Amino acid sequence: TIATILWSLQLLPQIVKSHRKRTTAGLSAWLLVLWIAASVPQGVYFIVQTINIPLIVQPQLFCALAIVTLAQCWYFAHGLSRTRCILASLLLGLVAGALELGFYYMCKRLSSEGARAAATEAMGLLGAIGLTAGLIPQYVEIWKLREVRGISFLFLAVDTSGGIFAIISLAFKETFDYIGALNYIGIVVAELGIFLLALILNPRARRARRAAEQRAEAVTGEDAQDGGEDSGSAALPTVGFDGEVTNGEGTARRVADAGMKRDNHETSQAVKGVEV
């Protein structure tokens, strides 16, 4: 029951985070696509095996929440309208439900007991492989970004805890279901790997961003200082001969004009002296 509660609500923190931040950047949509696909054979396996009611219900709730999370990726990352996202989600849910029902009847109505057992085991293996392989696109996203971004750590913690409790619940059955346990062991190991990468990569990414911000601030400060010095030296106000405040260039012109007037005055006085 604890595992069912955790694995039924595991994607809610991711849904809430994406809604609040209005973005799904860093969260791989292919992760959700593969998880939705894997929940179909996983659900078939648990129903045919009649393992227990909580584990039968869990894949159905998991698939529904994964579809909602995928719709957020469509809406925030790809710009689809809300109406299209809702319609696509409903259609995807119907397709997943129809496939699960069809595979269930296929496993139950095969002619021989051996064929039914083989088909059921194939469903379990497909679910286990799909759930674990679903995290590969998220690892690719982490590699591209060089940090764990976009995915909710609370979601990962709940998901990992749900997997651990699910494994414990299988241990109390008369015969331990190894295929069922494989579904959860793969998820737990892969998600612990994401936690480990977050501990290693995220501090490095923060330091790199901080260093880049400091370099940008330093460059901005130097540009502002250089601009202030240039403007200050280019236009210092001075007082001209006629008392008018002007800049350095205007002062030079006025000094030249005054000199020319003085020379002209002296020349005219000399001419008058000669005439006299």
C-alpha atoms as a PDB file:
ATOM      1  CA  THR A   1       0.000   0.000   0.000  1.00  0.00           C
ATOM      2  CA  ILE A   2       2.837   2.416   0.817  1.00  0.00           C
ATOM      3  CA  ALA A   3       4.481   1.641  -2.526  1.00  0.00           C
ATOM      4  CA  THR A   4       1.202   2.241  -4.355  1.00  0.00           C
ATOM      5  CA  ILE A   5       0.680   5.600  -2.648  1.00  0.00           C
ATOM      6  CA  LEU A   6       4.219   6.721  -3.426  1.00  0.00           C
ATOM      7  CA  TRP A   7       4.186   5.490  -7.016  1.00  0.00           C
ATOM      8  CA  SER A   8       0.724   6.886  -7.608  1.00  0.00           C
ATOM      9  CA  LEU A   9       1.773  10.368  -6.497  1.00  0.00           C
ATOM     10  CA  GLN A  10       5.386  10.317  -7.640  1.00  0.00           C
ATOM     11  CA  LEU A  11       4.860  12.586 -10.652  1.00  0.00           C
ATOM     12  CA  LEU A  12       2.778  15.160  -8.782  1.00  0.00           C
ATOM     13  CA  PRO A  13       5.860  17.119  -7.575  1.00  0.00           C
ATOM     14  CA  GLN A  14       7.099  17.266 -11.177  1.00  0.00           C
ATOM     15  CA  ILE A  15       3.692  18.452 -12.391  1.00  0.00           C
ATOM     16  CA  VAL A  16       3.551  21.143  -9.697  1.00  0.00           C
ATOM     17  CA  LYS A  17       7.115  22.314 -10.398  1.00  0.00           C
ATOM     18  CA  SER A  18       6.541  22.580 -14.152  1.00  0.00           C
ATOM     19  CA  HIS A  19       3.273  24.462 -13.576  1.00  0.00           C
ATOM     20  CA  ARG A  20       4.815  26.961 -11.155  1.00  0.00           C
ATOM     21  CA  LYS A  21       7.912  27.658 -13.220  1.00  0.00           C
ATOM     22  CA  ARG A  22       5.951  27.594 -16.501  1.00  0.00           C
ATOM     23  CA  THR A  23       8.683  25.545 -18.141  1.00  0.00           C
ATOM     24  CA  THR A  24       9.784  21.940 -18.619  1.00  0.00           C
ATOM     25  CA  ALA A  25      13.324  22.794 -19.763  1.00  0.00           C
ATOM     26  CA  GLY A  26      15.696  20.020 -18.751  1.00  0.00           C
ATOM     27  CA  LEU A  27      12.958  17.382 -18.498  1.00  0.00           C
ATOM     28  CA  SER A  28      13.105  14.888 -21.358  1.00  0.00           C
ATOM     29  CA  ALA A  29       9.751  14.297 -23.062  1.00  0.00           C
ATOM     30  CA  TRP A  30      11.073  10.952 -24.328  1.00  0.00           C
ATOM     31  CA  LEU A  31      11.380   9.833 -20.716  1.00  0.00           C
ATOM     32  CA  LEU A  32       7.625  10.237 -20.357  1.00  0.00           C
ATOM     33  CA  VAL A  33       6.841   8.655 -23.730  1.00  0.00           C
ATOM     34  CA  LEU A  34       8.818   5.532 -22.838  1.00  0.00           C
ATOM     35  CA  TRP A  35       7.272   5.375 -19.373  1.00  0.00           C
ATOM     36  CA  ILE A  36       3.770   5.580 -20.795  1.00  0.00           C
ATOM     37  CA  ALA A  37       4.601   2.821 -23.263  1.00  0.00           C
ATOM     38  CA  ALA A  38       6.179   0.683 -20.512  1.00  0.00           C
ATOM     39  CA  SER A  39       3.197   1.059 -18.185  1.00  0.00           C
ATOM     40  CA  VAL A  40       1.026  -0.876 -20.660  1.00  0.00           C
ATOM     41  CA  PRO A  41       2.874  -4.242 -20.514  1.00  0.00           C
ATOM     42  CA  GLN A  42       3.646  -3.674 -16.839  1.00  0.00           C
ATOM     43  CA  GLY A  43      -0.054  -3.302 -16.090  1.00  0.00           C
ATOM     44  CA  VAL A  44      -0.849  -6.417 -18.117  1.00  0.00           C
ATOM     45  CA  TYR A  45       1.765  -8.427 -16.227  1.00  0.00           C
ATOM     46  CA  PHE A  46       0.521  -7.444 -12.777  1.00  0.00           C
ATOM     47  CA  ILE A  47      -3.128  -8.072 -13.695  1.00  0.00           C
ATOM     48  CA  VAL A  48      -2.484 -11.510 -15.186  1.00  0.00           C
ATOM     49  CA  GLN A  49      -0.265 -12.507 -12.271  1.00  0.00           C
ATOM     50  CA  THR A  50      -2.800 -11.111  -9.775  1.00  0.00           C
ATOM     51  CA  ILE A  51       0.120 -10.040  -7.602  1.00  0.00           C
ATOM     52  CA  ASN A  52      -1.870  -7.721  -5.326  1.00  0.00           C
ATOM     53  CA  ILE A  53      -4.456  -4.992  -5.788  1.00  0.00           C
ATOM     54  CA  PRO A  54      -2.178  -2.019  -4.979  1.00  0.00           C
ATOM     55  CA  LEU A  55       0.417  -3.064  -7.566  1.00  0.00           C
ATOM     56  CA  ILE A  56      -2.336  -3.658 -10.123  1.00  0.00           C
ATOM     57  CA  VAL A  57      -3.692  -0.137  -9.608  1.00  0.00           C
ATOM     58  CA  GLN A  58      -0.292   1.542  -9.555  1.00  0.00           C
ATOM     59  CA  PRO A  59       0.611   1.263 -13.290  1.00  0.00           C
ATOM     60  CA  GLN A  60      -2.745   2.769 -14.257  1.00  0.00           C
ATOM     61  CA  LEU A  61      -2.271   5.831 -12.050  1.00  0.00           C
ATOM     62  CA  PHE A  62       1.357   6.101 -13.101  1.00  0.00           C
ATOM     63  CA  CYS A  63       0.378   6.124 -16.774  1.00  0.00           C
ATOM     64  CA  ALA A  64      -2.265   8.809 -16.194  1.00  0.00           C
ATOM     65  CA  LEU A  65       0.172  11.132 -14.401  1.00  0.00           C
ATOM     66  CA  ALA A  66       2.849  10.522 -17.031  1.00  0.00           C
ATOM     67  CA  ILE A  67       0.381  11.591 -19.722  1.00  0.00           C
ATOM     68  CA  VAL A  68      -0.381  14.803 -17.797  1.00  0.00           C
ATOM     69  CA  THR A  69       3.352  15.527 -17.442  1.00  0.00           C
ATOM     70  CA  LEU A  70       3.883  14.899 -21.152  1.00  0.00           C
ATOM     71  CA  ALA A  71       1.051  17.312 -21.927  1.00  0.00           C
ATOM     72  CA  GLN A  72       2.933  19.955 -19.941  1.00  0.00           C
ATOM     73  CA  CYS A  73       5.959  19.366 -22.173  1.00  0.00           C
ATOM     74  CA  TRP A  74       3.770  19.863 -25.225  1.00  0.00           C
ATOM     75  CA  TYR A  75       2.286  23.051 -23.777  1.00  0.00           C
ATOM     76  CA  PHE A  76       5.363  24.762 -22.302  1.00  0.00           C
ATOM     77  CA  ALA A  77       8.179  23.486 -24.523  1.00  0.00           C
ATOM     78  CA  HIS A  78       6.476  23.100 -27.900  1.00  0.00           C
ATOM     79  CA  GLY A  79       3.807  25.787 -27.692  1.00  0.00           C
ATOM     80  CA  LEU A  80       0.765  23.623 -28.379  1.00  0.00           C
ATOM     81  CA  SER A  81      -2.557  25.128 -27.383  1.00  0.00           C
ATOM     82  CA  ARG A  82      -4.260  23.969 -24.201  1.00  0.00           C
ATOM     83  CA  THR A  83      -7.132  22.448 -26.149  1.00  0.00           C
ATOM     84  CA  ARG A  84      -4.804  20.395 -28.334  1.00  0.00           C
ATOM     85  CA  CYS A  85      -2.867  19.190 -25.301  1.00  0.00           C
ATOM     86  CA  ILE A  86      -6.047  18.034 -23.577  1.00  0.00           C
ATOM     87  CA  LEU A  87      -7.354  16.266 -26.675  1.00  0.00           C
ATOM     88  CA  ALA A  88      -3.994  14.599 -27.350  1.00  0.00           C
ATOM     89  CA  SER A  89      -3.780  13.458 -23.724  1.00  0.00           C
ATOM     90  CA  LEU A  90      -7.245  11.920 -23.817  1.00  0.00           C
ATOM     91  CA  LEU A  91      -6.468  10.169 -27.090  1.00  0.00           C
ATOM     92  CA  LEU A  92      -3.168   8.834 -25.728  1.00  0.00           C
ATOM     93  CA  GLY A  93      -4.915   7.553 -22.609  1.00  0.00           C
ATOM     94  CA  LEU A  94      -7.534   5.744 -24.696  1.00  0.00           C
ATOM     95  CA  VAL A  95      -4.860   4.137 -26.872  1.00  0.00           C
ATOM     96  CA  ALA A  96      -2.880   2.978 -23.822  1.00  0.00           C
ATOM     97  CA  GLY A  97      -6.009   1.542 -22.204  1.00  0.00           C
ATOM     98  CA  ALA A  98      -7.057  -0.260 -25.379  1.00  0.00           C
ATOM     99  CA  LEU A  99      -3.592  -1.786 -25.829  1.00  0.00           C
ATOM    100  CA  GLU A 100      -3.495  -2.978 -22.225  1.00  0.00           C
ATOM    101  CA  LEU A 101      -6.909  -4.589 -22.548  1.00  0.00           C
ATOM    102  CA  GLY A 102      -5.936  -6.279 -25.807  1.00  0.00           C
ATOM    103  CA  PHE A 103      -2.655  -7.652 -24.429  1.00  0.00           C
ATOM    104  CA  TYR A 104      -4.447  -8.903 -21.315  1.00  0.00           C
ATOM    105  CA  TYR A 105      -6.937 -10.958 -23.316  1.00  0.00           C
ATOM    106  CA  MET A 106      -4.126 -12.203 -25.544  1.00  0.00           C
ATOM    107  CA  CYS A 107      -2.215 -13.531 -22.533  1.00  0.00           C
ATOM    108  CA  LYS A 108      -5.318 -15.098 -20.988  1.00  0.00           C
ATOM    109  CA  ARG A 109      -6.683 -16.772 -24.117  1.00  0.00           C
ATOM    110  CA  LEU A 110      -3.606 -18.416 -25.557  1.00  0.00           C
ATOM    111  CA  SER A 111      -4.204 -22.104 -26.163  1.00  0.00           C
ATOM    112  CA  SER A 112      -1.480 -23.674 -24.012  1.00  0.00           C
ATOM    113  CA  GLU A 113      -0.341 -22.946 -20.475  1.00  0.00           C
ATOM    114  CA  GLY A 114       3.267 -22.605 -21.644  1.00  0.00           C
ATOM    115  CA  ALA A 115       2.339 -20.005 -24.242  1.00  0.00           C
ATOM    116  CA  ARG A 116       0.353 -18.008 -21.682  1.00  0.00           C
ATOM    117  CA  ALA A 117       3.246 -18.100 -19.220  1.00  0.00           C
ATOM    118  CA  ALA A 118       5.742 -17.045 -21.894  1.00  0.00           C
ATOM    119  CA  ALA A 119       3.530 -14.168 -23.052  1.00  0.00           C
ATOM    120  CA  THR A 120       3.016 -12.993 -19.480  1.00  0.00           C
ATOM    121  CA  GLU A 121       6.751 -13.054 -18.781  1.00  0.00           C
ATOM    122  CA  ALA A 122       7.341 -11.136 -22.005  1.00  0.00           C
ATOM    123  CA  MET A 123       4.940  -8.435 -20.784  1.00  0.00           C
ATOM    124  CA  GLY A 124       6.816  -8.202 -17.498  1.00  0.00           C
ATOM    125  CA  LEU A 125      10.197  -7.966 -19.194  1.00  0.00           C
ATOM    126  CA  LEU A 126       8.974  -5.321 -21.633  1.00  0.00           C
ATOM    127  CA  GLY A 127       7.666  -3.246 -18.751  1.00  0.00           C
ATOM    128  CA  ALA A 128      10.919  -3.583 -16.810  1.00  0.00           C
ATOM    129  CA  ILE A 129      13.071  -2.719 -19.818  1.00  0.00           C
ATOM    130  CA  GLY A 130      10.854   0.199 -20.809  1.00  0.00           C
ATOM    131  CA  LEU A 131      10.815   1.752 -17.343  1.00  0.00           C
ATOM    132  CA  THR A 132      14.580   1.573 -17.000  1.00  0.00           C
ATOM    133  CA  ALA A 133      15.270   2.587 -20.609  1.00  0.00           C
ATOM    134  CA  GLY A 134      12.976   5.570 -20.145  1.00  0.00           C
ATOM    135  CA  LEU A 135      15.639   7.208 -18.013  1.00  0.00           C
ATOM    136  CA  ILE A 136      18.238   7.013 -20.796  1.00  0.00           C
ATOM    137  CA  PRO A 137      16.880  10.155 -22.564  1.00  0.00           C
ATOM    138  CA  GLN A 138      17.052  11.968 -19.232  1.00  0.00           C
ATOM    139  CA  TYR A 139      20.700  10.972 -18.891  1.00  0.00           C
ATOM    140  CA  VAL A 140      21.279  12.335 -22.406  1.00  0.00           C
ATOM    141  CA  GLU A 141      19.626  15.608 -21.378  1.00  0.00           C
ATOM    142  CA  ILE A 142      21.864  15.782 -18.316  1.00  0.00           C
ATOM    143  CA  TRP A 143      24.920  15.182 -20.490  1.00  0.00           C
ATOM    144  CA  LYS A 144      23.942  18.004 -22.871  1.00  0.00           C
ATOM    145  CA  LEU A 145      23.261  20.508 -20.078  1.00  0.00           C
ATOM    146  CA  ARG A 146      26.196  19.343 -17.939  1.00  0.00           C
ATOM    147  CA  GLU A 147      23.877  19.467 -14.914  1.00  0.00           C
ATOM    148  CA  VAL A 148      20.624  17.996 -13.589  1.00  0.00           C
ATOM    149  CA  ARG A 149      18.045  20.628 -14.448  1.00  0.00           C
ATOM    150  CA  GLY A 150      14.270  20.675 -14.870  1.00  0.00           C
ATOM    151  CA  ILE A 151      13.504  17.382 -13.151  1.00  0.00           C
ATOM    152  CA  SER A 152      12.055  17.540  -9.635  1.00  0.00           C
ATOM    153  CA  PHE A 153      14.266  16.020  -6.954  1.00  0.00           C
ATOM    154  CA  LEU A 154      11.189  15.475  -4.798  1.00  0.00           C
ATOM    155  CA  PHE A 155       9.702  13.435  -7.642  1.00  0.00           C
ATOM    156  CA  LEU A 156      12.893  11.368  -7.849  1.00  0.00           C
ATOM    157  CA  ALA A 157      12.902  10.824  -4.079  1.00  0.00           C
ATOM    158  CA  VAL A 158       9.263   9.700  -4.045  1.00  0.00           C
ATOM    159  CA  ASP A 159       9.797   7.494  -7.093  1.00  0.00           C
ATOM    160  CA  THR A 160      12.874   5.831  -5.599  1.00  0.00           C
ATOM    161  CA  SER A 161      11.121   5.276  -2.270  1.00  0.00           C
ATOM    162  CA  GLY A 162       8.124   3.776  -4.062  1.00  0.00           C
ATOM    163  CA  GLY A 163      10.379   1.362  -5.902  1.00  0.00           C
ATOM    164  CA  ILE A 164      12.041   0.253  -2.670  1.00  0.00           C
ATOM    165  CA  PHE A 165       8.711  -0.348  -0.925  1.00  0.00           C
ATOM    166  CA  ALA A 166       7.415  -2.202  -3.989  1.00  0.00           C
ATOM    167  CA  ILE A 167      10.391  -4.565  -3.830  1.00  0.00           C
ATOM    168  CA  ILE A 168       9.721  -5.113  -0.122  1.00  0.00           C
ATOM    169  CA  SER A 169       6.055  -5.895  -0.818  1.00  0.00           C
ATOM    170  CA  LEU A 170       7.081  -8.554  -3.337  1.00  0.00           C
ATOM    171  CA  ALA A 171       9.265 -10.171  -0.675  1.00  0.00           C
ATOM    172  CA  PHE A 172       6.165 -11.028   1.381  1.00  0.00           C
ATOM    173  CA  LYS A 173       4.624 -13.156  -1.368  1.00  0.00           C
ATOM    174  CA  GLU A 174       4.827 -16.930  -1.153  1.00  0.00           C
ATOM    175  CA  THR A 175       7.135 -16.968  -4.184  1.00  0.00           C
ATOM    176  CA  PHE A 176       9.334 -13.981  -4.940  1.00  0.00           C
ATOM    177  CA  ASP A 177       8.457 -12.481  -8.332  1.00  0.00           C
ATOM    178  CA  TYR A 178      11.836 -11.755  -9.924  1.00  0.00           C
ATOM    179  CA  ILE A 179      10.399 -10.141 -13.052  1.00  0.00           C
ATOM    180  CA  GLY A 180       8.213  -7.851 -10.978  1.00  0.00           C
ATOM    181  CA  ALA A 181      11.179  -6.929  -8.813  1.00  0.00           C
ATOM    182  CA  LEU A 182      13.228  -6.178 -11.931  1.00  0.00           C
ATOM    183  CA  ASN A 183      10.701  -3.453 -12.798  1.00  0.00           C
ATOM    184  CA  TYR A 184      11.563  -1.602  -9.629  1.00  0.00           C
ATOM    185  CA  ILE A 185      15.237  -2.451  -9.159  1.00  0.00           C
ATOM    186  CA  GLY A 186      16.113  -0.911 -12.528  1.00  0.00           C
ATOM    187  CA  ILE A 187      14.258   2.306 -11.678  1.00  0.00           C
ATOM    188  CA  VAL A 188      15.815   2.598  -8.226  1.00  0.00           C
ATOM    189  CA  VAL A 189      19.363   2.122  -9.533  1.00  0.00           C
ATOM    190  CA  ALA A 190      18.895   4.538 -12.458  1.00  0.00           C
ATOM    191  CA  GLU A 191      17.381   7.261 -10.279  1.00  0.00           C
ATOM    192  CA  LEU A 192      20.077   6.914  -7.645  1.00  0.00           C
ATOM    193  CA  GLY A 193      22.483   7.547 -10.525  1.00  0.00           C
ATOM    194  CA  ILE A 194      20.703  10.840 -11.277  1.00  0.00           C
ATOM    195  CA  PHE A 195      21.044  11.886  -7.636  1.00  0.00           C
ATOM    196  CA  LEU A 196      24.758  11.110  -7.814  1.00  0.00           C
ATOM    197  CA  LEU A 197      25.169  13.167 -10.994  1.00  0.00           C
ATOM    198  CA  ALA A 198      23.329  16.069  -9.361  1.00  0.00           C
ATOM    199  CA  LEU A 199      25.754  16.002  -6.437  1.00  0.00           C
ATOM    200  CA  ILE A 200      28.711  16.070  -8.837  1.00  0.00           C
ATOM    201  CA  LEU A 201      27.568  18.265 -11.741  1.00  0.00           C
ATOM    202  CA  ASN A 202      25.264  20.864 -10.184  1.00  0.00           C
ATOM    203  CA  PRO A 203      27.910  22.456  -7.901  1.00  0.00           C
ATOM    204  CA  ARG A 204      30.255  22.685 -10.893  1.00  0.00           C
ATOM    205  CA  ALA A 205      27.532  24.321 -12.986  1.00  0.00           C
ATOM    206  CA  ARG A 206      26.786  26.843 -10.224  1.00  0.00           C
ATOM    207  CA  ARG A 207      30.460  27.747  -9.894  1.00  0.00           C
ATOM    208  CA  ALA A 208      30.759  28.152 -13.671  1.00  0.00           C
ATOM    209  CA  ARG A 209      27.706  30.438 -13.791  1.00  0.00           C
ATOM    210  CA  ARG A 210      29.001  32.480 -10.849  1.00  0.00           C
ATOM    211  CA  ALA A 211      32.395  32.912 -12.522  1.00  0.00           C
ATOM    212  CA  ALA A 212      30.735  33.945 -15.791  1.00  0.00           C
ATOM    213  CA  GLU A 213      28.595  36.519 -13.962  1.00  0.00           C
ATOM    214  CA  GLN A 214      31.657  37.943 -12.211  1.00  0.00           C
ATOM    215  CA  ARG A 215      33.526  38.237 -15.515  1.00  0.00           C
ATOM    216  CA  ALA A 216      30.539  39.967 -17.091  1.00  0.00           C
ATOM    217  CA  GLU A 217      30.287  42.414 -14.182  1.00  0.00           C
ATOM    218  CA  ALA A 218      34.019  43.144 -14.396  1.00  0.00           C
ATOM    219  CA  VAL A 219      33.820  43.870 -18.126  1.00  0.00           C
ATOM    220  CA  THR A 220      30.767  46.097 -17.622  1.00  0.00           C
ATOM    221  CA  GLY A 221      32.532  48.038 -14.865  1.00  0.00           C
ATOM    222  CA  GLU A 222      35.639  48.610 -16.997  1.00  0.00           C
ATOM    223  CA  ASP A 223      33.544  49.821 -19.940  1.00  0.00           C
ATOM    224  CA  ALA A 224      31.659  52.247 -17.715  1.00  0.00           C
ATOM    225  CA  GLN A 225      34.920  53.597 -16.219  1.00  0.00           C
ATOM    226  CA  ASP A 226      36.527  54.061 -19.642  1.00  0.00           C
ATOM    227  CA  GLY A 227      33.450  55.823 -20.930  1.00  0.00           C
ATOM    228  CA  GLY A 228      33.438  58.198 -17.954  1.00  0.00           C
ATOM    229  CA  GLU A 229      37.095  59.120 -18.419  1.00  0.00           C
ATOM    230  CA  ASP A 230      36.660  59.770 -22.145  1.00  0.00           C
ATOM    231  CA  SER A 231      33.629  61.979 -21.672  1.00  0.00           C
ATOM    232  CA  GLY A 232      35.262  63.880 -18.804  1.00  0.00           C
ATOM    233  CA  SER A 233      38.451  64.690 -20.700  1.00  0.00           C
ATOM    234  CA  ALA A 234      36.690  65.572 -23.934  1.00  0.00           C
ATOM    235  CA  ALA A 235      34.377  68.277 -22.659  1.00  0.00           C
ATOM    236  CA  LEU A 236      35.720  70.143 -19.598  1.00  0.00           C
ATOM    237  CA  PRO A 237      33.884  73.496 -19.382  1.00  0.00           C
ATOM    238  CA  THR A 238      35.988  76.720 -19.464  1.00  0.00           C
ATOM    239  CA  VAL A 239      35.227  80.404 -19.445  1.00  0.00           C
ATOM    240  CA  GLY A 240      35.904  82.286 -22.651  1.00  0.00           C
ATOM    241  CA  PHE A 241      37.136  85.857 -23.112  1.00  0.00           C
ATOM    242  CA  ASP A 242      33.601  87.154 -23.280  1.00  0.00           C
ATOM    243  CA  GLY A 243      32.557  85.368 -20.068  1.00  0.00           C
ATOM    244  CA  GLU A 244      30.658  82.593 -21.882  1.00  0.00           C
ATOM    245  CA  VAL A 245      31.076  79.047 -20.523  1.00  0.00           C
ATOM    246  CA  THR A 246      32.266  76.727 -23.234  1.00  0.00           C
ATOM    247  CA  ASN A 247      34.153  73.483 -23.717  1.00  0.00           C
ATOM    248  CA  GLY A 248      37.840  73.060 -24.605  1.00  0.00           C
ATOM    249  CA  GLU A 249      37.325  73.196 -28.355  1.00  0.00           C
ATOM    250  CA  GLY A 250      35.262  76.403 -28.142  1.00  0.00           C
ATOM    251  CA  THR A 251      37.941  77.986 -25.958  1.00  0.00           C
ATOM    252  CA  ALA A 252      40.616  77.306 -28.545  1.00  0.00           C
ATOM    253  CA  ARG A 253      38.552  78.924 -31.255  1.00  0.00           C
ATOM    254  CA  ARG A 254      37.888  81.988 -29.111  1.00  0.00           C
ATOM    255  CA  VAL A 255      41.594  82.356 -28.248  1.00  0.00           C
ATOM    256  CA  ALA A 256      42.453  82.296 -31.950  1.00  0.00           C
ATOM    257  CA  ASP A 257      39.747  84.881 -32.749  1.00  0.00           C
ATOM    258  CA  ALA A 258      40.999  87.182 -29.988  1.00  0.00           C
ATOM    259  CA  GLY A 259      44.560  86.945 -31.286  1.00  0.00           C
ATOM    260  CA  MET A 260      43.459  87.823 -34.813  1.00  0.00           C
ATOM    261  CA  LYS A 261      41.499  90.847 -33.546  1.00  0.00           C
ATOM    262  CA  ARG A 262      44.524  92.047 -31.554  1.00  0.00           C
ATOM    263  CA  ASP A 263      46.809  91.707 -34.589  1.00  0.00           C
ATOM    264  CA  ASN A 264      44.349  93.589 -36.798  1.00  0.00           C
ATOM    265  CA  HIS A 265      44.084  96.377 -34.205  1.00  0.00           C
ATOM    266  CA  GLU A 266      47.860  96.749 -33.972  1.00  0.00           C
ATOM    267  CA  THR A 267      48.145  96.777 -37.778  1.00  0.00           C
ATOM    268  CA  SER A 268      45.558  99.553 -38.110  1.00  0.00           C
ATOM    269  CA  GLN A 269      47.335 101.658 -35.458  1.00  0.00           C
ATOM    270  CA  ALA A 270      50.615 101.265 -37.313  1.00  0.00           C
ATOM    271  CA  VAL A 271      49.010 102.384 -40.555  1.00  0.00           C
ATOM    272  CA  LYS A 272      47.573 105.482 -38.873  1.00  0.00           C
ATOM    273  CA  GLY A 273      51.028 106.351 -37.480  1.00  0.00           C
ATOM    274  CA  VAL A 274      52.561 106.115 -40.898  1.00  0.00           C
ATOM    275  CA  GLU A 275      49.889 108.370 -42.376  1.00  0.00           C
ATOM    276  CA  VAL A 276      50.470 110.975 -39.678  1.00  0.00           C
END
